[in-house]
Amino acid sequence: MISLTEELTLLAVEDDGRIAYTAGSPNFAMALVGACIIDLNNAGRVDADLAALNVLSTEPTGLAAQDRVLELLGAGPSQTTERWVLELQADAPALIRMTLGQLQQRGILHLTEKRFLWALHTRRYPIDDGGKEQKEAKLRILAALLSEGLPTPHDSILIGLAVAGGLLEAYLSKSEIARLAERIDEIGGLDLVVRGVESAIRSDAEVRAHAIMLSIH
């Protein structure tokens, strides 16, 4: 089964192998950290909500990026998810490299002329251990946004993180995002950790804005 962190990283890789410009933003960094935390929460390694993030087990998951985050969480103080997202955003480049390496190993991405390119032109991931094939994230997100039904919890969280990280802008126009705003709000903000990521992004933006406004003194 492909992880949330892997899928969010794949959303930052455009069809021609280029990396979406929004993947270099602090928002994407914090969304990626949030994805790692949600993966750890789903694996029973942490208990995360808006009020607190508690480490339940430091046993590795076998996923490099998530285990790096778990190591940092286990060595740090007890604090809110928002606080952790803010603090760990600086580790995002390393987490991205780990995740891309993992995707290469799984045959989902391959490296050609120093650029990551889609390996699967059928828009499906490789068959997993359960014998199932999964439709690629971009198609699932578009299907969820353009339908009236509720997406799976995994896809709802992925949509929320993609919005928070600015990734929808890589393959939807501003007018399309504006038209789908109500639907995006309806299905993308249900998870507590996603809301923690959104709160961290707002806090980070406020700090940056404050610093800019005071820089003239």
C-alpha atoms as a PDB file:
ATOM      1  CA  MET A   1       0.000   0.000   0.000  1.00  0.00           C
ATOM      2  CA  ILE A   2       1.377   3.409  -0.930  1.00  0.00           C
ATOM      3  CA  SER A   3       1.709   5.819   1.988  1.00  0.00           C
ATOM      4  CA  LEU A   4       0.169   9.260   2.327  1.00  0.00           C
ATOM      5  CA  THR A   5       3.668  10.789   2.386  1.00  0.00           C
ATOM      6  CA  GLU A   6       4.546   9.048  -0.883  1.00  0.00           C
ATOM      7  CA  GLU A   7       1.345  10.186  -2.577  1.00  0.00           C
ATOM      8  CA  LEU A   8       1.791  13.790  -1.473  1.00  0.00           C
ATOM      9  CA  THR A   9       5.349  13.708  -2.856  1.00  0.00           C
ATOM     10  CA  LEU A  10       4.086  12.266  -6.142  1.00  0.00           C
ATOM     11  CA  LEU A  11       1.627  15.149  -6.466  1.00  0.00           C
ATOM     12  CA  ALA A  12       4.651  17.461  -6.595  1.00  0.00           C
ATOM     13  CA  VAL A  13       6.044  15.640  -9.661  1.00  0.00           C
ATOM     14  CA  GLU A  14       4.501  16.916 -12.876  1.00  0.00           C
ATOM     15  CA  ASP A  15       3.718  14.686 -15.832  1.00  0.00           C
ATOM     16  CA  ASP A  16       6.787  15.755 -17.821  1.00  0.00           C
ATOM     17  CA  GLY A  17       9.129  15.073 -14.879  1.00  0.00           C
ATOM     18  CA  ARG A  18       9.442  18.631 -13.661  1.00  0.00           C
ATOM     19  CA  ILE A  19       8.862  19.453 -10.019  1.00  0.00           C
ATOM     20  CA  ALA A  20       5.881  21.716  -9.263  1.00  0.00           C
ATOM     21  CA  TYR A  21       7.080  25.155  -8.218  1.00  0.00           C
ATOM     22  CA  THR A  22       4.903  25.038  -5.113  1.00  0.00           C
ATOM     23  CA  ALA A  23       6.934  22.087  -3.793  1.00  0.00           C
ATOM     24  CA  GLY A  24       9.643  24.543  -2.765  1.00  0.00           C
ATOM     25  CA  SER A  25       7.348  26.510  -0.472  1.00  0.00           C
ATOM     26  CA  PRO A  26       7.162  26.386   3.345  1.00  0.00           C
ATOM     27  CA  ASN A  27       3.524  25.339   2.939  1.00  0.00           C
ATOM     28  CA  PHE A  28       4.496  22.164   1.106  1.00  0.00           C
ATOM     29  CA  ALA A  29       7.222  21.440   3.670  1.00  0.00           C
ATOM     30  CA  MET A  30       4.678  21.616   6.489  1.00  0.00           C
ATOM     31  CA  ALA A  31       2.118  19.563   4.557  1.00  0.00           C
ATOM     32  CA  LEU A  32       4.744  16.850   4.037  1.00  0.00           C
ATOM     33  CA  VAL A  33       5.594  16.776   7.746  1.00  0.00           C
ATOM     34  CA  GLY A  34       1.867  16.499   8.424  1.00  0.00           C
ATOM     35  CA  ALA A  35       1.643  13.537   6.040  1.00  0.00           C
ATOM     36  CA  CYS A  36       4.454  11.772   7.906  1.00  0.00           C
ATOM     37  CA  ILE A  37       2.684  12.370  11.228  1.00  0.00           C
ATOM     38  CA  ILE A  38      -0.615  11.016   9.851  1.00  0.00           C
ATOM     39  CA  ASP A  39       1.167   7.926   8.513  1.00  0.00           C
ATOM     40  CA  LEU A  40       2.680   7.404  11.971  1.00  0.00           C
ATOM     41  CA  ASN A  41      -0.720   7.942  13.578  1.00  0.00           C
ATOM     42  CA  ASN A  42      -2.272   5.343  11.268  1.00  0.00           C
ATOM     43  CA  ALA A  43       0.569   2.933  12.070  1.00  0.00           C
ATOM     44  CA  GLY A  44      -0.086   3.279  15.802  1.00  0.00           C
ATOM     45  CA  ARG A  45       3.255   4.949  16.514  1.00  0.00           C
ATOM     46  CA  VAL A  46       1.770   8.276  17.637  1.00  0.00           C
ATOM     47  CA  ASP A  47      -1.536   9.662  18.840  1.00  0.00           C
ATOM     48  CA  ALA A  48      -2.004  13.051  17.211  1.00  0.00           C
ATOM     49  CA  ASP A  49      -4.802  15.589  17.369  1.00  0.00           C
ATOM     50  CA  LEU A  50      -5.141  19.363  17.686  1.00  0.00           C
ATOM     51  CA  ALA A  51      -4.418  19.362  21.421  1.00  0.00           C
ATOM     52  CA  ALA A  52      -1.331  17.159  21.604  1.00  0.00           C
ATOM     53  CA  LEU A  53       0.956  14.716  19.851  1.00  0.00           C
ATOM     54  CA  ASN A  54       2.068  11.745  21.945  1.00  0.00           C
ATOM     55  CA  VAL A  55       4.543   9.061  20.897  1.00  0.00           C
ATOM     56  CA  LEU A  56       3.134   5.586  21.620  1.00  0.00           C
ATOM     57  CA  SER A  57       5.962   3.491  20.183  1.00  0.00           C
ATOM     58  CA  THR A  58       9.369   4.181  18.652  1.00  0.00           C
ATOM     59  CA  GLU A  59       9.418   0.891  16.732  1.00  0.00           C
ATOM     60  CA  PRO A  60      10.438   1.724  13.122  1.00  0.00           C
ATOM     61  CA  THR A  61       7.823   1.414  10.398  1.00  0.00           C
ATOM     62  CA  GLY A  62      10.348   0.601   7.678  1.00  0.00           C
ATOM     63  CA  LEU A  63       9.540   3.839   5.845  1.00  0.00           C
ATOM     64  CA  ALA A  64      12.568   6.132   5.904  1.00  0.00           C
ATOM     65  CA  ALA A  65      10.906   9.546   6.086  1.00  0.00           C
ATOM     66  CA  GLN A  66       8.295   8.505   8.609  1.00  0.00           C
ATOM     67  CA  ASP A  67      10.908   6.817  10.790  1.00  0.00           C
ATOM     68  CA  ARG A  68      13.051   9.946  10.729  1.00  0.00           C
ATOM     69  CA  VAL A  69      10.075  11.996  11.930  1.00  0.00           C
ATOM     70  CA  LEU A  70       9.304   9.360  14.570  1.00  0.00           C
ATOM     71  CA  GLU A  71      12.899   9.570  15.815  1.00  0.00           C
ATOM     72  CA  LEU A  72      12.658  13.351  16.132  1.00  0.00           C
ATOM     73  CA  LEU A  73       9.273  13.182  17.842  1.00  0.00           C
ATOM     74  CA  GLY A  74      10.552  10.610  20.330  1.00  0.00           C
ATOM     75  CA  ALA A  75      13.595  12.692  21.202  1.00  0.00           C
ATOM     76  CA  GLY A  76      11.685  15.948  21.606  1.00  0.00           C
ATOM     77  CA  PRO A  77       9.326  17.512  24.129  1.00  0.00           C
ATOM     78  CA  SER A  78       5.604  16.872  24.422  1.00  0.00           C
ATOM     79  CA  GLN A  79       3.851  19.576  22.374  1.00  0.00           C
ATOM     80  CA  THR A  80       1.043  20.194  19.925  1.00  0.00           C
ATOM     81  CA  THR A  81       0.920  18.878  16.382  1.00  0.00           C
ATOM     82  CA  GLU A  82       1.003  22.461  15.125  1.00  0.00           C
ATOM     83  CA  ARG A  83       4.226  23.113  17.035  1.00  0.00           C
ATOM     84  CA  TRP A  84       5.862  19.969  15.657  1.00  0.00           C
ATOM     85  CA  VAL A  85       4.859  20.817  12.098  1.00  0.00           C
ATOM     86  CA  LEU A  86       6.430  24.256  12.472  1.00  0.00           C
ATOM     87  CA  GLU A  87       9.636  22.865  13.973  1.00  0.00           C
ATOM     88  CA  LEU A  88      10.126  19.991  11.530  1.00  0.00           C
ATOM     89  CA  GLN A  89       9.532  21.932   8.308  1.00  0.00           C
ATOM     90  CA  ALA A  90      13.294  22.488   8.068  1.00  0.00           C
ATOM     91  CA  ASP A  91      13.711  18.700   7.745  1.00  0.00           C
ATOM     92  CA  ALA A  92      11.416  18.559   4.679  1.00  0.00           C
ATOM     93  CA  PRO A  93      14.205  18.453   2.030  1.00  0.00           C
ATOM     94  CA  ALA A  94      15.690  15.351   3.675  1.00  0.00           C
ATOM     95  CA  LEU A  95      12.239  13.783   4.016  1.00  0.00           C
ATOM     96  CA  ILE A  96      11.549  14.426   0.318  1.00  0.00           C
ATOM     97  CA  ARG A  97      14.848  12.805  -0.705  1.00  0.00           C
ATOM     98  CA  MET A  98      14.069   9.756   1.419  1.00  0.00           C
ATOM     99  CA  THR A  99      10.595   9.444  -0.058  1.00  0.00           C
ATOM    100  CA  LEU A 100      11.769   9.865  -3.658  1.00  0.00           C
ATOM    101  CA  GLY A 101      14.398   7.184  -3.068  1.00  0.00           C
ATOM    102  CA  GLN A 102      11.713   4.878  -1.739  1.00  0.00           C
ATOM    103  CA  LEU A 103       9.487   5.545  -4.747  1.00  0.00           C
ATOM    104  CA  GLN A 104      12.400   4.679  -7.030  1.00  0.00           C
ATOM    105  CA  GLN A 105      12.956   1.420  -5.203  1.00  0.00           C
ATOM    106  CA  ARG A 106       9.282   0.546  -5.602  1.00  0.00           C
ATOM    107  CA  GLY A 107       9.405   1.259  -9.347  1.00  0.00           C
ATOM    108  CA  ILE A 108       6.871   4.091  -9.213  1.00  0.00           C
ATOM    109  CA  LEU A 109       9.399   6.743 -10.274  1.00  0.00           C
ATOM    110  CA  HIS A 110      12.539   6.371 -12.304  1.00  0.00           C
ATOM    111  CA  LEU A 111      15.394   8.800 -12.774  1.00  0.00           C
ATOM    112  CA  THR A 112      16.145   9.894 -16.327  1.00  0.00           C
ATOM    113  CA  GLU A 113      18.663  12.612 -17.158  1.00  0.00           C
ATOM    114  CA  LYS A 114      18.681  13.724 -13.529  1.00  0.00           C
ATOM    115  CA  ARG A 115      14.927  14.278 -13.487  1.00  0.00           C
ATOM    116  CA  PHE A 116      12.254  12.204 -11.793  1.00  0.00           C
ATOM    117  CA  LEU A 117       9.703  10.987 -14.321  1.00  0.00           C
ATOM    118  CA  TRP A 118       6.507   8.988 -14.034  1.00  0.00           C
ATOM    119  CA  ALA A 119       7.298   5.325 -14.571  1.00  0.00           C
ATOM    120  CA  LEU A 120       3.673   4.297 -14.985  1.00  0.00           C
ATOM    121  CA  HIS A 121       1.938   5.824 -17.981  1.00  0.00           C
ATOM    122  CA  THR A 122      -1.272   3.890 -17.208  1.00  0.00           C
ATOM    123  CA  ARG A 123      -1.833   6.193 -14.209  1.00  0.00           C
ATOM    124  CA  ARG A 124      -1.895   3.265 -11.805  1.00  0.00           C
ATOM    125  CA  TYR A 125       0.512   2.183  -9.114  1.00  0.00           C
ATOM    126  CA  PRO A 126       2.084  -1.283  -9.130  1.00  0.00           C
ATOM    127  CA  ILE A 127      -0.016  -4.145  -7.792  1.00  0.00           C
ATOM    128  CA  ASP A 128       0.485  -4.360  -4.019  1.00  0.00           C
ATOM    129  CA  ASP A 129       0.874  -7.376  -1.742  1.00  0.00           C
ATOM    130  CA  GLY A 130      -2.887  -7.779  -1.613  1.00  0.00           C
ATOM    131  CA  GLY A 131      -3.098  -8.132  -5.386  1.00  0.00           C
ATOM    132  CA  LYS A 132      -4.752  -4.756  -5.850  1.00  0.00           C
ATOM    133  CA  GLU A 133      -3.908  -1.983  -8.273  1.00  0.00           C
ATOM    134  CA  GLN A 134      -4.555   1.619  -7.214  1.00  0.00           C
ATOM    135  CA  LYS A 135      -5.462   4.555  -9.437  1.00  0.00           C
ATOM    136  CA  GLU A 136      -2.940   7.404  -9.287  1.00  0.00           C
ATOM    137  CA  ALA A 137      -3.566  10.239  -6.802  1.00  0.00           C
ATOM    138  CA  LYS A 138      -4.224  13.086  -9.251  1.00  0.00           C
ATOM    139  CA  LEU A 139      -7.015  11.178 -10.960  1.00  0.00           C
ATOM    140  CA  ARG A 140      -8.568  10.203  -7.620  1.00  0.00           C
ATOM    141  CA  ILE A 141      -8.459  13.809  -6.377  1.00  0.00           C
ATOM    142  CA  LEU A 142     -10.068  15.145  -9.559  1.00  0.00           C
ATOM    143  CA  ALA A 143     -12.745  12.446  -9.398  1.00  0.00           C
ATOM    144  CA  ALA A 144     -13.490  13.314  -5.760  1.00  0.00           C
ATOM    145  CA  LEU A 145     -13.687  17.050  -6.447  1.00  0.00           C
ATOM    146  CA  LEU A 146     -15.959  16.637  -9.461  1.00  0.00           C
ATOM    147  CA  SER A 147     -18.361  14.159  -7.835  1.00  0.00           C
ATOM    148  CA  GLU A 148     -20.890  14.520  -5.039  1.00  0.00           C
ATOM    149  CA  GLY A 149     -19.931  11.475  -2.987  1.00  0.00           C
ATOM    150  CA  LEU A 150     -17.558  11.374  -0.045  1.00  0.00           C
ATOM    151  CA  PRO A 151     -14.000  10.225  -0.851  1.00  0.00           C
ATOM    152  CA  THR A 152     -12.191   7.631   1.249  1.00  0.00           C
ATOM    153  CA  PRO A 153     -10.658   8.971   4.485  1.00  0.00           C
ATOM    154  CA  HIS A 154      -7.199   8.573   2.873  1.00  0.00           C
ATOM    155  CA  ASP A 155      -8.185  10.663  -0.147  1.00  0.00           C
ATOM    156  CA  SER A 156      -9.935  13.271   1.993  1.00  0.00           C
ATOM    157  CA  ILE A 157      -6.724  13.756   3.995  1.00  0.00           C
ATOM    158  CA  LEU A 158      -4.644  13.815   0.804  1.00  0.00           C
ATOM    159  CA  ILE A 159      -6.875  16.542  -0.634  1.00  0.00           C
ATOM    160  CA  GLY A 160      -6.597  18.574   2.566  1.00  0.00           C
ATOM    161  CA  LEU A 161      -2.792  18.333   2.567  1.00  0.00           C
ATOM    162  CA  ALA A 162      -2.576  19.040  -1.179  1.00  0.00           C
ATOM    163  CA  VAL A 163      -4.612  22.207  -0.689  1.00  0.00           C
ATOM    164  CA  ALA A 164      -2.560  23.268   2.341  1.00  0.00           C
ATOM    165  CA  GLY A 165       0.681  22.617   0.453  1.00  0.00           C
ATOM    166  CA  GLY A 166      -0.429  24.535  -2.651  1.00  0.00           C
ATOM    167  CA  LEU A 167      -0.233  21.473  -4.886  1.00  0.00           C
ATOM    168  CA  LEU A 168      -3.615  21.845  -6.573  1.00  0.00           C
ATOM    169  CA  GLU A 169      -2.206  24.923  -8.307  1.00  0.00           C
ATOM    170  CA  ALA A 170       0.169  22.666 -10.233  1.00  0.00           C
ATOM    171  CA  TYR A 171      -2.605  21.058 -12.262  1.00  0.00           C
ATOM    172  CA  LEU A 172      -5.748  23.125 -11.735  1.00  0.00           C
ATOM    173  CA  SER A 173      -6.183  26.747 -12.806  1.00  0.00           C
ATOM    174  CA  LYS A 174      -7.019  29.465 -10.285  1.00  0.00           C
ATOM    175  CA  SER A 175     -10.497  29.762 -11.739  1.00  0.00           C
ATOM    176  CA  GLU A 176     -11.063  26.011 -11.387  1.00  0.00           C
ATOM    177  CA  ILE A 177      -9.867  26.063  -7.769  1.00  0.00           C
ATOM    178  CA  ALA A 178     -12.164  29.008  -7.045  1.00  0.00           C
ATOM    179  CA  ARG A 179     -15.099  27.202  -8.657  1.00  0.00           C
ATOM    180  CA  LEU A 180     -14.415  24.094  -6.570  1.00  0.00           C
ATOM    181  CA  ALA A 181     -13.725  26.004  -3.330  1.00  0.00           C
ATOM    182  CA  GLU A 182     -16.912  24.895  -1.586  1.00  0.00           C
ATOM    183  CA  ARG A 183     -16.321  21.248  -2.512  1.00  0.00           C
ATOM    184  CA  ILE A 184     -12.674  21.456  -1.426  1.00  0.00           C
ATOM    185  CA  ASP A 185     -13.704  22.847   1.960  1.00  0.00           C
ATOM    186  CA  GLU A 186     -16.359  20.164   2.315  1.00  0.00           C
ATOM    187  CA  ILE A 187     -14.086  17.158   1.848  1.00  0.00           C
ATOM    188  CA  GLY A 188     -10.557  18.409   2.525  1.00  0.00           C
ATOM    189  CA  GLY A 189     -10.576  19.674   6.099  1.00  0.00           C
ATOM    190  CA  LEU A 190     -11.982  16.738   8.042  1.00  0.00           C
ATOM    191  CA  ASP A 191      -8.799  15.406   9.656  1.00  0.00           C
ATOM    192  CA  LEU A 192      -7.483  16.923  12.913  1.00  0.00           C
ATOM    193  CA  VAL A 193      -3.826  16.724  11.853  1.00  0.00           C
ATOM    194  CA  VAL A 194      -4.657  18.454   8.561  1.00  0.00           C
ATOM    195  CA  ARG A 195      -6.211  21.234  10.605  1.00  0.00           C
ATOM    196  CA  GLY A 196      -3.047  21.341  12.687  1.00  0.00           C
ATOM    197  CA  VAL A 197      -1.027  21.737   9.480  1.00  0.00           C
ATOM    198  CA  GLU A 198      -3.320  24.547   8.332  1.00  0.00           C
ATOM    199  CA  SER A 199      -2.894  26.262  11.692  1.00  0.00           C
ATOM    200  CA  ALA A 200       0.895  25.894  11.474  1.00  0.00           C
ATOM    201  CA  ILE A 201       0.892  27.418   7.982  1.00  0.00           C
ATOM    202  CA  ARG A 202      -1.119  30.402   9.219  1.00  0.00           C
ATOM    203  CA  SER A 203       1.217  30.870  12.193  1.00  0.00           C
ATOM    204  CA  ASP A 204       4.283  30.658   9.960  1.00  0.00           C
ATOM    205  CA  ALA A 205       2.801  33.184   7.518  1.00  0.00           C
ATOM    206  CA  GLU A 206       2.026  35.574  10.375  1.00  0.00           C
ATOM    207  CA  VAL A 207       5.609  35.364  11.675  1.00  0.00           C
ATOM    208  CA  ARG A 208       7.021  35.981   8.181  1.00  0.00           C
ATOM    209  CA  ALA A 209       4.653  38.904   7.575  1.00  0.00           C
ATOM    210  CA  HIS A 210       5.519  40.428  10.952  1.00  0.00           C
ATOM    211  CA  ALA A 211       9.250  40.123  10.200  1.00  0.00           C
ATOM    212  CA  ILE A 212       8.834  41.807   6.819  1.00  0.00           C
ATOM    213  CA  MET A 213       6.759  44.661   8.203  1.00  0.00           C
ATOM    214  CA  LEU A 214       9.339  45.352  10.922  1.00  0.00           C
ATOM    215  CA  SER A 215      12.380  44.981   8.652  1.00  0.00           C
ATOM    216  CA  ILE A 216      12.309  48.671   7.729  1.00  0.00           C
ATOM    217  CA  HIS A 217      13.380  49.637  11.257  1.00  0.00           C
END
